[in-house]
Amino acid sequence: MVTRLRGLWASFVERRPGTAQFLVFLVLSNGITVLQLALMPLFRAAFDGTSLVGTDFQVWQVGTNPDGTAYHVFDYAAGSLPEGGGGLAYFLAVQITLLIAQVINFFAQRSITFKSNSSVARAAAWYAIAYVVITLGAAAAQGLYKAPLYELLIDTWGMGRTGETAADVLTMIINSAISFWVFFPIFKVIFKREPEPAGAVATEDSRTA
């Protein structure tokens, strides 16, 4: 059964390499998302109750909200959600989770999805740049939905701690979805499969002969 499935997959890869590559990317990305969903509550719990919750982290103002208050790229006002923004504790929980996930994602996608043999250092540099840009974009977008989402689930629907956990999950899923659709075309560029030198191919063939 396993051999047959491998044969079918190999045939599919040969016929539709682009689609097969995207499917592998999709599976790995979903696995990374599950990892993020598992890590986020752990880091939230680790920082909960510390002084970090009461520490403001509101930087890079990019305009104002409809009510006239400042709109920040990173908007983590002091205080527990939904009254506050989770403070520095929430920021660290999100960013540490994303950093761990993206480091794993880098090596998994490079070796499994794209089978890249190009420079690791060059790819890592471009990946880091893309990660920073996407993180800034996702953080700016979070200002549109984070506070209303937590208020809806915790207060309006009266779900309390369960609502907070659900909001954590939804927030991480939204962040993952943004990363998913942006990273795939970037990976296509930075994770290249360079042709093997003719001498290396000949040596490999002689070994298997």
N, C-alpha and C. Protein backbone atom coordinates (compact mmCIF):
# COMPACT_ATOMS: atom_id res chain seq x y z
N MET A 1 0.83 -1.20 0.00
CA MET A 1 0.00 0.00 0.00
C MET A 1 0.87 1.26 0.00
N VAL A 2 1.87 1.29 0.90
CA VAL A 2 2.76 2.44 0.99
C VAL A 2 3.54 2.61 -0.32
N THR A 3 4.02 1.49 -0.85
CA THR A 3 4.77 1.53 -2.11
C THR A 3 3.92 2.08 -3.24
N ARG A 4 2.65 1.67 -3.26
CA ARG A 4 1.74 2.14 -4.31
C ARG A 4 1.50 3.65 -4.18
N LEU A 5 1.31 4.12 -2.94
CA LEU A 5 1.09 5.54 -2.72
C LEU A 5 2.31 6.35 -3.13
N ARG A 6 3.50 5.81 -2.82
CA ARG A 6 4.73 6.50 -3.23
C ARG A 6 4.82 6.57 -4.75
N GLY A 7 4.44 5.50 -5.42
CA GLY A 7 4.47 5.48 -6.86
C GLY A 7 3.51 6.50 -7.46
N LEU A 8 2.30 6.56 -6.87
CA LEU A 8 1.31 7.52 -7.36
C LEU A 8 1.80 8.95 -7.15
N TRP A 9 2.40 9.19 -5.98
CA TRP A 9 2.90 10.54 -5.70
C TRP A 9 4.04 10.90 -6.65
N ALA A 10 4.95 9.96 -6.88
CA ALA A 10 6.07 10.21 -7.78
C ALA A 10 5.57 10.53 -9.19
N SER A 11 4.53 9.81 -9.61
CA SER A 11 3.95 10.06 -10.93
C SER A 11 3.31 11.45 -10.98
N PHE A 12 2.63 11.82 -9.89
CA PHE A 12 1.98 13.13 -9.82
C PHE A 12 3.02 14.25 -9.85
N VAL A 13 4.12 14.06 -9.10
CA VAL A 13 5.20 15.05 -9.08
C VAL A 13 5.78 15.24 -10.47
N GLU A 14 5.93 14.15 -11.19
CA GLU A 14 6.50 14.22 -12.54
C GLU A 14 5.58 14.96 -13.50
N ARG A 15 4.27 14.71 -13.34
CA ARG A 15 3.31 15.33 -14.25
C ARG A 15 3.00 16.78 -13.88
N ARG A 16 2.90 17.07 -12.59
CA ARG A 16 2.55 18.41 -12.13
C ARG A 16 3.49 18.85 -11.00
N PRO A 17 4.73 19.15 -11.34
CA PRO A 17 5.71 19.50 -10.30
C PRO A 17 5.35 20.75 -9.51
N GLY A 18 4.79 21.75 -10.19
CA GLY A 18 4.43 22.98 -9.49
C GLY A 18 3.33 22.77 -8.47
N THR A 19 2.29 22.01 -8.88
CA THR A 19 1.19 21.73 -7.97
C THR A 19 1.66 20.88 -6.80
N ALA A 20 2.50 19.89 -7.09
CA ALA A 20 3.02 19.02 -6.03
C ALA A 20 3.83 19.83 -5.02
N GLN A 21 4.63 20.75 -5.52
CA GLN A 21 5.43 21.60 -4.65
C GLN A 21 4.54 22.44 -3.74
N PHE A 22 3.47 23.00 -4.31
CA PHE A 22 2.56 23.81 -3.51
C PHE A 22 1.86 22.96 -2.45
N LEU A 23 1.49 21.73 -2.78
CA LEU A 23 0.83 20.86 -1.81
C LEU A 23 1.75 20.53 -0.64
N VAL A 24 3.03 20.27 -0.93
CA VAL A 24 3.99 20.01 0.14
C VAL A 24 4.15 21.25 1.01
N PHE A 25 4.23 22.41 0.35
CA PHE A 25 4.31 23.68 1.09
C PHE A 25 3.09 23.86 1.99
N LEU A 26 1.92 23.51 1.47
CA LEU A 26 0.68 23.64 2.23
C LEU A 26 0.69 22.74 3.46
N VAL A 27 1.10 21.49 3.29
CA VAL A 27 1.12 20.54 4.41
C VAL A 27 2.09 21.00 5.49
N LEU A 28 3.30 21.40 5.07
CA LEU A 28 4.29 21.85 6.05
C LEU A 28 3.83 23.13 6.75
N SER A 29 3.22 24.04 6.00
CA SER A 29 2.75 25.29 6.59
C SER A 29 1.67 25.03 7.63
N ASN A 30 0.77 24.09 7.33
CA ASN A 30 -0.27 23.76 8.29
C ASN A 30 0.32 23.13 9.55
N GLY A 31 1.37 22.32 9.35
CA GLY A 31 2.04 21.73 10.51
C GLY A 31 2.69 22.80 11.37
N ILE A 32 3.30 23.79 10.74
CA ILE A 32 3.90 24.90 11.48
C ILE A 32 2.83 25.70 12.21
N THR A 33 1.68 25.86 11.57
CA THR A 33 0.57 26.58 12.21
C THR A 33 0.11 25.86 13.47
N VAL A 34 0.01 24.54 13.40
CA VAL A 34 -0.37 23.75 14.58
C VAL A 34 0.65 23.95 15.70
N LEU A 35 1.94 23.98 15.33
CA LEU A 35 2.99 24.22 16.32
C LEU A 35 2.80 25.59 16.97
N GLN A 36 2.49 26.59 16.17
CA GLN A 36 2.27 27.93 16.71
C GLN A 36 1.08 27.95 17.66
N LEU A 37 0.02 27.24 17.30
CA LEU A 37 -1.17 27.20 18.15
C LEU A 37 -0.88 26.52 19.48
N ALA A 38 0.08 25.60 19.47
CA ALA A 38 0.46 24.92 20.71
C ALA A 38 1.38 25.78 21.56
N LEU A 39 2.26 26.54 20.91
CA LEU A 39 3.25 27.33 21.65
C LEU A 39 2.66 28.62 22.22
N MET A 40 1.76 29.26 21.48
CA MET A 40 1.23 30.56 21.89
C MET A 40 0.64 30.54 23.30
N PRO A 41 -0.25 29.59 23.64
CA PRO A 41 -0.81 29.59 25.00
C PRO A 41 0.26 29.34 26.07
N LEU A 42 1.29 28.59 25.73
CA LEU A 42 2.35 28.32 26.70
C LEU A 42 3.12 29.59 27.05
N PHE A 43 3.45 30.38 26.02
CA PHE A 43 4.16 31.63 26.29
C PHE A 43 3.24 32.66 26.94
N ARG A 44 1.97 32.66 26.55
CA ARG A 44 1.02 33.57 27.22
C ARG A 44 0.94 33.24 28.70
N ALA A 45 0.88 31.95 29.03
CA ALA A 45 0.80 31.53 30.43
C ALA A 45 2.08 31.87 31.18
N ALA A 46 3.22 31.73 30.50
CA ALA A 46 4.50 32.01 31.15
C ALA A 46 4.63 33.48 31.53
N PHE A 47 4.10 34.38 30.67
CA PHE A 47 4.22 35.81 30.92
C PHE A 47 3.04 36.37 31.71
N ASP A 48 1.96 35.61 31.80
CA ASP A 48 0.76 36.09 32.49
C ASP A 48 1.05 36.31 33.98
N GLY A 49 0.59 37.43 34.49
CA GLY A 49 0.80 37.71 35.90
C GLY A 49 2.13 38.39 36.19
N THR A 50 2.99 38.54 35.20
CA THR A 50 4.26 39.23 35.40
C THR A 50 4.08 40.73 35.18
N SER A 51 5.11 41.49 35.54
CA SER A 51 5.05 42.94 35.36
C SER A 51 5.02 43.33 33.89
N LEU A 52 5.37 42.39 33.00
CA LEU A 52 5.37 42.68 31.57
C LEU A 52 3.97 43.00 31.06
N VAL A 53 2.94 42.43 31.70
CA VAL A 53 1.56 42.70 31.29
C VAL A 53 1.24 44.17 31.48
N GLY A 54 1.82 44.76 32.51
CA GLY A 54 1.57 46.17 32.79
C GLY A 54 2.54 47.13 32.14
N THR A 55 3.36 46.61 31.22
CA THR A 55 4.34 47.45 30.52
C THR A 55 3.86 47.75 29.11
N ASP A 56 3.69 49.04 28.81
CA ASP A 56 3.26 49.43 27.47
C ASP A 56 4.29 49.05 26.41
N PHE A 57 3.79 48.64 25.25
CA PHE A 57 4.67 48.48 24.08
C PHE A 57 3.88 48.97 22.88
N GLN A 58 3.92 50.28 22.67
CA GLN A 58 3.22 50.93 21.57
C GLN A 58 4.23 51.77 20.80
N VAL A 59 4.62 51.28 19.63
CA VAL A 59 5.67 51.95 18.86
C VAL A 59 5.26 52.12 17.41
N TRP A 60 5.89 53.10 16.76
CA TRP A 60 5.72 53.38 15.33
C TRP A 60 4.28 53.76 14.98
N GLN A 61 3.92 54.95 15.37
CA GLN A 61 2.59 55.46 15.03
C GLN A 61 2.49 55.69 13.53
N VAL A 62 1.39 55.22 12.92
CA VAL A 62 1.18 55.36 11.48
C VAL A 62 -0.18 55.98 11.18
N GLY A 63 -0.60 56.90 12.03
CA GLY A 63 -1.89 57.52 11.82
C GLY A 63 -2.72 57.49 13.08
N THR A 64 -4.02 57.64 12.89
CA THR A 64 -4.93 57.66 14.03
C THR A 64 -6.12 56.74 13.78
N ASN A 65 -6.72 56.27 14.87
CA ASN A 65 -7.94 55.48 14.81
C ASN A 65 -9.14 56.40 14.60
N PRO A 66 -10.32 55.86 14.24
CA PRO A 66 -11.51 56.70 14.05
C PRO A 66 -11.85 57.54 15.27
N ASP A 67 -11.48 57.05 16.49
CA ASP A 67 -11.79 57.81 17.70
C ASP A 67 -10.72 58.85 18.02
N GLY A 68 -9.73 58.97 17.15
CA GLY A 68 -8.71 59.99 17.36
C GLY A 68 -7.47 59.53 18.08
N THR A 69 -7.48 58.31 18.62
CA THR A 69 -6.31 57.79 19.31
C THR A 69 -5.25 57.36 18.30
N ALA A 70 -4.01 57.28 18.76
CA ALA A 70 -2.89 56.94 17.88
C ALA A 70 -2.98 55.48 17.42
N TYR A 71 -2.66 55.25 16.14
CA TYR A 71 -2.62 53.89 15.59
C TYR A 71 -1.16 53.50 15.42
N HIS A 72 -0.73 52.45 16.15
CA HIS A 72 0.65 52.01 16.13
C HIS A 72 0.80 50.69 15.37
N VAL A 73 1.96 50.52 14.74
CA VAL A 73 2.26 49.23 14.10
C VAL A 73 2.25 48.13 15.15
N PHE A 74 2.96 48.38 16.25
CA PHE A 74 2.92 47.45 17.38
C PHE A 74 2.15 48.14 18.49
N ASP A 75 0.92 47.68 18.72
CA ASP A 75 0.03 48.35 19.66
C ASP A 75 -0.35 47.40 20.79
N TYR A 76 0.49 47.38 21.80
CA TYR A 76 0.26 46.50 22.94
C TYR A 76 0.22 47.35 24.21
N ALA A 77 -0.93 47.96 24.43
CA ALA A 77 -1.10 48.82 25.60
C ALA A 77 -1.03 47.98 26.87
N ALA A 78 -0.61 48.61 27.97
CA ALA A 78 -0.51 47.90 29.24
C ALA A 78 -1.88 47.43 29.71
N GLY A 79 -1.90 46.31 30.40
CA GLY A 79 -3.15 45.78 30.95
C GLY A 79 -3.62 44.54 30.24
N SER A 80 -4.34 43.72 30.96
CA SER A 80 -4.85 42.47 30.40
C SER A 80 -5.94 42.75 29.37
N LEU A 81 -6.04 41.85 28.40
CA LEU A 81 -7.08 41.95 27.40
C LEU A 81 -8.43 41.59 28.03
N PRO A 82 -9.55 42.18 27.57
CA PRO A 82 -9.64 43.12 26.44
C PRO A 82 -9.50 44.59 26.83
N GLU A 83 -9.46 44.89 28.16
CA GLU A 83 -9.37 46.30 28.56
C GLU A 83 -8.06 46.92 28.07
N GLY A 84 -6.97 46.19 28.21
CA GLY A 84 -5.68 46.65 27.71
C GLY A 84 -5.32 45.92 26.44
N GLY A 85 -4.03 45.97 26.09
CA GLY A 85 -3.58 45.29 24.87
C GLY A 85 -2.66 44.13 25.15
N GLY A 86 -2.56 43.75 26.42
CA GLY A 86 -1.69 42.64 26.78
C GLY A 86 -0.28 43.05 27.13
N GLY A 87 0.06 44.32 26.81
CA GLY A 87 1.37 44.83 27.16
C GLY A 87 2.53 44.11 26.49
N LEU A 88 3.71 44.32 27.04
CA LEU A 88 4.92 43.72 26.49
C LEU A 88 4.84 42.19 26.57
N ALA A 89 4.07 41.67 27.53
CA ALA A 89 3.93 40.22 27.67
C ALA A 89 3.30 39.61 26.43
N TYR A 90 2.24 40.23 25.91
CA TYR A 90 1.57 39.70 24.73
C TYR A 90 2.48 39.81 23.51
N PHE A 91 3.17 40.94 23.39
CA PHE A 91 4.09 41.13 22.27
C PHE A 91 5.15 40.03 22.25
N LEU A 92 5.76 39.76 23.38
CA LEU A 92 6.81 38.75 23.45
C LEU A 92 6.26 37.36 23.16
N ALA A 93 5.07 37.05 23.67
CA ALA A 93 4.46 35.74 23.43
C ALA A 93 4.24 35.51 21.94
N VAL A 94 3.75 36.54 21.25
CA VAL A 94 3.49 36.43 19.82
C VAL A 94 4.79 36.30 19.04
N GLN A 95 5.75 37.18 19.34
CA GLN A 95 6.96 37.23 18.53
C GLN A 95 7.88 36.03 18.78
N ILE A 96 7.96 35.55 20.00
CA ILE A 96 8.78 34.36 20.28
C ILE A 96 8.18 33.14 19.58
N THR A 97 6.85 33.04 19.63
CA THR A 97 6.17 31.94 18.94
C THR A 97 6.45 31.99 17.43
N LEU A 98 6.32 33.17 16.84
CA LEU A 98 6.55 33.32 15.40
C LEU A 98 8.00 33.03 15.04
N LEU A 99 8.93 33.48 15.87
CA LEU A 99 10.35 33.28 15.57
C LEU A 99 10.70 31.80 15.56
N ILE A 100 10.26 31.07 16.57
CA ILE A 100 10.53 29.62 16.63
C ILE A 100 9.94 28.92 15.41
N ALA A 101 8.69 29.25 15.11
CA ALA A 101 8.00 28.62 13.99
C ALA A 101 8.70 28.92 12.66
N GLN A 102 9.14 30.15 12.48
CA GLN A 102 9.73 30.52 11.20
C GLN A 102 11.14 29.94 11.01
N VAL A 103 11.87 29.77 12.09
CA VAL A 103 13.18 29.12 11.97
C VAL A 103 13.00 27.66 11.51
N ILE A 104 12.05 26.97 12.12
CA ILE A 104 11.75 25.59 11.71
C ILE A 104 11.24 25.57 10.28
N ASN A 105 10.37 26.52 9.95
CA ASN A 105 9.79 26.60 8.62
C ASN A 105 10.86 26.81 7.55
N PHE A 106 11.85 27.63 7.86
CA PHE A 106 12.92 27.92 6.91
C PHE A 106 13.63 26.64 6.47
N PHE A 107 14.07 25.85 7.42
CA PHE A 107 14.83 24.65 7.09
C PHE A 107 13.94 23.56 6.48
N ALA A 108 12.70 23.45 6.96
CA ALA A 108 11.80 22.44 6.43
C ALA A 108 11.43 22.73 4.97
N GLN A 109 11.06 23.97 4.70
CA GLN A 109 10.68 24.33 3.34
C GLN A 109 11.86 24.25 2.39
N ARG A 110 13.03 24.67 2.87
CA ARG A 110 14.21 24.66 2.01
C ARG A 110 14.60 23.25 1.59
N SER A 111 14.60 22.32 2.55
CA SER A 111 15.10 20.98 2.26
C SER A 111 14.02 20.04 1.73
N ILE A 112 12.78 20.21 2.15
CA ILE A 112 11.73 19.26 1.79
C ILE A 112 10.91 19.76 0.59
N THR A 113 10.39 20.98 0.68
CA THR A 113 9.52 21.49 -0.38
C THR A 113 10.29 21.86 -1.64
N PHE A 114 11.33 22.67 -1.47
CA PHE A 114 12.03 23.22 -2.63
C PHE A 114 13.33 22.49 -2.95
N LYS A 115 13.79 21.63 -2.02
CA LYS A 115 15.02 20.85 -2.24
C LYS A 115 16.14 21.76 -2.77
N SER A 116 16.29 22.89 -2.12
CA SER A 116 17.24 23.88 -2.57
C SER A 116 18.68 23.48 -2.23
N ASN A 117 19.59 23.77 -3.16
CA ASN A 117 21.01 23.55 -2.92
C ASN A 117 21.81 24.84 -3.07
N SER A 118 21.09 25.97 -3.05
CA SER A 118 21.75 27.27 -3.14
C SER A 118 22.31 27.66 -1.77
N SER A 119 22.97 28.79 -1.71
CA SER A 119 23.62 29.24 -0.48
C SER A 119 22.62 29.40 0.67
N VAL A 120 22.91 28.73 1.78
CA VAL A 120 22.05 28.83 2.96
C VAL A 120 22.12 30.25 3.52
N ALA A 121 23.32 30.82 3.57
CA ALA A 121 23.49 32.15 4.14
C ALA A 121 22.72 33.20 3.35
N ARG A 122 22.80 33.13 2.01
CA ARG A 122 22.08 34.09 1.17
C ARG A 122 20.57 33.94 1.34
N ALA A 123 20.11 32.70 1.34
CA ALA A 123 18.68 32.45 1.52
C ALA A 123 18.21 32.92 2.89
N ALA A 124 19.02 32.67 3.93
CA ALA A 124 18.65 33.09 5.29
C ALA A 124 18.57 34.60 5.40
N ALA A 125 19.47 35.30 4.71
CA ALA A 125 19.47 36.76 4.75
C ALA A 125 18.19 37.32 4.13
N TRP A 126 17.82 36.79 2.94
CA TRP A 126 16.59 37.24 2.29
C TRP A 126 15.36 36.83 3.08
N TYR A 127 15.43 35.65 3.69
CA TYR A 127 14.32 35.17 4.51
C TYR A 127 14.12 36.09 5.72
N ALA A 128 15.23 36.51 6.34
CA ALA A 128 15.15 37.40 7.49
C ALA A 128 14.52 38.73 7.11
N ILE A 129 14.91 39.25 5.94
CA ILE A 129 14.33 40.51 5.47
C ILE A 129 12.83 40.36 5.25
N ALA A 130 12.45 39.26 4.57
CA ALA A 130 11.03 39.00 4.31
C ALA A 130 10.26 38.83 5.62
N TYR A 131 10.88 38.14 6.58
CA TYR A 131 10.23 37.91 7.88
C TYR A 131 9.95 39.22 8.59
N VAL A 132 10.91 40.15 8.56
CA VAL A 132 10.73 41.44 9.22
C VAL A 132 9.61 42.23 8.55
N VAL A 133 9.62 42.26 7.21
CA VAL A 133 8.60 43.01 6.48
C VAL A 133 7.21 42.44 6.73
N ILE A 134 7.09 41.10 6.67
CA ILE A 134 5.79 40.45 6.89
C ILE A 134 5.33 40.64 8.32
N THR A 135 6.27 40.58 9.28
CA THR A 135 5.92 40.78 10.68
C THR A 135 5.36 42.18 10.91
N LEU A 136 6.00 43.18 10.28
CA LEU A 136 5.51 44.55 10.41
C LEU A 136 4.11 44.69 9.80
N GLY A 137 3.92 44.08 8.62
CA GLY A 137 2.61 44.15 7.98
C GLY A 137 1.53 43.46 8.79
N ALA A 138 1.84 42.28 9.30
CA ALA A 138 0.87 41.53 10.10
C ALA A 138 0.56 42.25 11.40
N ALA A 139 1.58 42.89 12.00
CA ALA A 139 1.37 43.63 13.24
C ALA A 139 0.47 44.84 13.00
N ALA A 140 0.69 45.53 11.88
CA ALA A 140 -0.14 46.69 11.56
C ALA A 140 -1.59 46.26 11.33
N ALA A 141 -1.77 45.13 10.65
CA ALA A 141 -3.12 44.63 10.39
C ALA A 141 -3.80 44.19 11.68
N GLN A 142 -3.00 43.70 12.62
CA GLN A 142 -3.57 43.21 13.88
C GLN A 142 -4.29 44.31 14.65
N GLY A 143 -3.85 45.54 14.44
CA GLY A 143 -4.50 46.65 15.12
C GLY A 143 -5.95 46.83 14.71
N LEU A 144 -6.33 46.27 13.55
CA LEU A 144 -7.70 46.40 13.06
C LEU A 144 -8.65 45.40 13.70
N TYR A 145 -8.12 44.23 14.09
CA TYR A 145 -9.04 43.19 14.55
C TYR A 145 -8.77 42.67 15.96
N LYS A 146 -7.58 42.89 16.52
CA LYS A 146 -7.24 42.25 17.79
C LYS A 146 -8.19 42.68 18.92
N ALA A 147 -8.27 43.98 19.18
CA ALA A 147 -9.09 44.47 20.28
C ALA A 147 -10.56 44.09 20.11
N PRO A 148 -11.18 44.33 18.92
CA PRO A 148 -12.58 43.94 18.76
C PRO A 148 -12.81 42.44 18.91
N LEU A 149 -11.84 41.63 18.45
CA LEU A 149 -11.99 40.18 18.55
C LEU A 149 -12.00 39.71 19.99
N TYR A 150 -11.06 40.20 20.78
CA TYR A 150 -10.99 39.81 22.20
C TYR A 150 -12.21 40.32 22.97
N GLU A 151 -12.63 41.55 22.66
CA GLU A 151 -13.80 42.11 23.34
C GLU A 151 -15.05 41.31 23.01
N LEU A 152 -15.17 40.89 21.74
CA LEU A 152 -16.33 40.10 21.32
C LEU A 152 -16.40 38.77 22.06
N LEU A 153 -15.28 38.05 22.08
CA LEU A 153 -15.29 36.71 22.66
C LEU A 153 -15.29 36.72 24.18
N ILE A 154 -14.58 37.66 24.78
CA ILE A 154 -14.47 37.68 26.24
C ILE A 154 -15.67 38.34 26.90
N ASP A 155 -16.04 39.54 26.42
CA ASP A 155 -17.10 40.32 27.09
C ASP A 155 -18.47 40.15 26.44
N THR A 156 -18.54 40.43 25.13
CA THR A 156 -19.84 40.40 24.45
C THR A 156 -20.48 39.02 24.51
N TRP A 157 -19.70 38.00 24.21
CA TRP A 157 -20.22 36.63 24.26
C TRP A 157 -20.05 35.98 25.62
N GLY A 158 -19.40 36.67 26.54
CA GLY A 158 -19.26 36.19 27.91
C GLY A 158 -18.50 34.89 28.05
N MET A 159 -17.48 34.68 27.22
CA MET A 159 -16.74 33.41 27.24
C MET A 159 -15.56 33.42 28.20
N GLY A 160 -15.20 34.61 28.74
CA GLY A 160 -14.14 34.68 29.73
C GLY A 160 -12.81 34.15 29.23
N ARG A 161 -12.17 33.29 30.06
CA ARG A 161 -10.86 32.73 29.71
C ARG A 161 -10.92 31.87 28.45
N THR A 162 -12.05 31.18 28.26
CA THR A 162 -12.21 30.37 27.05
C THR A 162 -12.21 31.27 25.82
N GLY A 163 -12.87 32.41 25.93
CA GLY A 163 -12.89 33.37 24.83
C GLY A 163 -11.52 33.94 24.56
N GLU A 164 -10.73 34.15 25.61
CA GLU A 164 -9.37 34.66 25.43
C GLU A 164 -8.51 33.65 24.69
N THR A 165 -8.65 32.38 25.07
CA THR A 165 -7.89 31.33 24.39
C THR A 165 -8.32 31.22 22.93
N ALA A 166 -9.63 31.30 22.69
CA ALA A 166 -10.13 31.23 21.31
C ALA A 166 -9.62 32.40 20.49
N ALA A 167 -9.56 33.58 21.10
CA ALA A 167 -9.05 34.76 20.41
C ALA A 167 -7.56 34.61 20.11
N ASP A 168 -6.82 33.99 21.04
CA ASP A 168 -5.40 33.70 20.79
C ASP A 168 -5.25 32.84 19.54
N VAL A 169 -6.08 31.79 19.47
CA VAL A 169 -6.01 30.86 18.34
C VAL A 169 -6.34 31.56 17.04
N LEU A 170 -7.41 32.34 17.03
CA LEU A 170 -7.82 33.04 15.81
C LEU A 170 -6.77 34.06 15.38
N THR A 171 -6.18 34.74 16.34
CA THR A 171 -5.13 35.71 16.02
C THR A 171 -3.95 35.04 15.36
N MET A 172 -3.53 33.89 15.91
CA MET A 172 -2.39 33.18 15.36
C MET A 172 -2.73 32.60 13.98
N ILE A 173 -3.96 32.16 13.78
CA ILE A 173 -4.37 31.64 12.47
C ILE A 173 -4.33 32.75 11.42
N ILE A 174 -4.79 33.94 11.78
CA ILE A 174 -4.76 35.07 10.85
C ILE A 174 -3.31 35.42 10.50
N ASN A 175 -2.45 35.46 11.51
CA ASN A 175 -1.02 35.75 11.25
C ASN A 175 -0.42 34.69 10.33
N SER A 176 -0.77 33.43 10.58
CA SER A 176 -0.24 32.33 9.77
C SER A 176 -0.74 32.42 8.34
N ALA A 177 -2.01 32.79 8.17
CA ALA A 177 -2.58 32.91 6.83
C ALA A 177 -1.88 34.01 6.02
N ILE A 178 -1.58 35.13 6.68
CA ILE A 178 -0.85 36.21 6.00
C ILE A 178 0.52 35.72 5.57
N SER A 179 1.22 35.04 6.48
CA SER A 179 2.56 34.53 6.17
C SER A 179 2.50 33.50 5.04
N PHE A 180 1.47 32.65 5.06
CA PHE A 180 1.35 31.58 4.07
C PHE A 180 1.30 32.14 2.66
N TRP A 181 0.43 33.08 2.41
CA TRP A 181 0.23 33.57 1.05
C TRP A 181 1.36 34.48 0.59
N VAL A 182 2.08 35.09 1.52
CA VAL A 182 3.18 35.96 1.12
C VAL A 182 4.48 35.19 0.95
N PHE A 183 4.70 34.19 1.80
CA PHE A 183 5.98 33.49 1.78
C PHE A 183 6.16 32.57 0.58
N PHE A 184 5.10 31.97 0.06
CA PHE A 184 5.28 31.01 -1.03
C PHE A 184 6.00 31.62 -2.24
N PRO A 185 5.55 32.74 -2.79
CA PRO A 185 6.29 33.32 -3.93
C PRO A 185 7.70 33.76 -3.54
N ILE A 186 7.90 34.17 -2.29
CA ILE A 186 9.25 34.55 -1.84
C ILE A 186 10.15 33.33 -1.82
N PHE A 187 9.63 32.20 -1.31
CA PHE A 187 10.41 30.97 -1.27
C PHE A 187 10.79 30.51 -2.68
N LYS A 188 9.90 30.71 -3.63
CA LYS A 188 10.19 30.32 -5.01
C LYS A 188 11.43 31.04 -5.53
N VAL A 189 11.67 32.24 -5.01
CA VAL A 189 12.80 33.04 -5.47
C VAL A 189 14.07 32.70 -4.69
N ILE A 190 13.98 32.60 -3.36
CA ILE A 190 15.20 32.45 -2.55
C ILE A 190 15.65 30.99 -2.41
N PHE A 191 14.73 30.03 -2.60
CA PHE A 191 15.10 28.63 -2.48
C PHE A 191 15.24 28.02 -3.87
N LYS A 192 16.32 28.35 -4.53
CA LYS A 192 16.52 27.87 -5.89
C LYS A 192 17.23 26.52 -5.89
N ARG A 193 16.94 25.76 -6.93
CA ARG A 193 17.62 24.48 -7.16
C ARG A 193 18.61 24.69 -8.29
N GLU A 194 19.87 24.83 -7.95
CA GLU A 194 20.88 25.10 -8.96
C GLU A 194 21.35 23.81 -9.60
N PRO A 195 21.63 23.82 -10.92
CA PRO A 195 22.09 22.61 -11.61
C PRO A 195 23.40 22.09 -11.00
N GLU A 196 23.50 20.78 -10.87
CA GLU A 196 24.72 20.17 -10.36
C GLU A 196 25.82 20.28 -11.43
N PRO A 197 27.07 20.52 -11.01
CA PRO A 197 28.17 20.55 -11.97
C PRO A 197 28.27 19.23 -12.71
N ALA A 198 28.65 19.29 -13.99
CA ALA A 198 28.73 18.08 -14.82
C ALA A 198 29.66 17.04 -14.21
N GLY A 199 30.78 17.47 -13.63
CA GLY A 199 31.71 16.54 -13.01
C GLY A 199 31.11 15.81 -11.84
N ALA A 200 30.28 16.54 -11.05
CA ALA A 200 29.66 15.92 -9.89
C ALA A 200 28.66 14.87 -10.31
N VAL A 201 27.92 15.15 -11.39
CA VAL A 201 26.94 14.19 -11.89
C VAL A 201 27.64 12.93 -12.39
N ALA A 202 28.76 13.12 -13.13
CA ALA A 202 29.49 11.99 -13.66
C ALA A 202 30.06 11.12 -12.53
N THR A 203 30.55 11.78 -11.49
CA THR A 203 31.09 11.03 -10.34
C THR A 203 30.00 10.23 -9.65
N GLU A 204 28.83 10.85 -9.51
CA GLU A 204 27.72 10.15 -8.86
C GLU A 204 27.29 8.95 -9.69
N ASP A 205 27.25 9.12 -11.04
CA ASP A 205 26.86 8.03 -11.90
C ASP A 205 27.85 6.86 -11.80
N SER A 206 29.15 7.16 -11.70
CA SER A 206 30.17 6.11 -11.62
C SER A 206 30.06 5.34 -10.32
N ARG A 207 29.59 6.02 -9.26
CA ARG A 207 29.45 5.36 -7.98
C ARG A 207 28.29 4.37 -7.98
N THR A 208 27.24 4.74 -8.72
CA THR A 208 26.06 3.88 -8.74
C THR A 208 26.10 2.85 -9.82
N ALA A 209 27.13 2.90 -10.69
CA ALA A 209 27.22 1.96 -11.79
C ALA A 209 27.62 0.57 -11.29
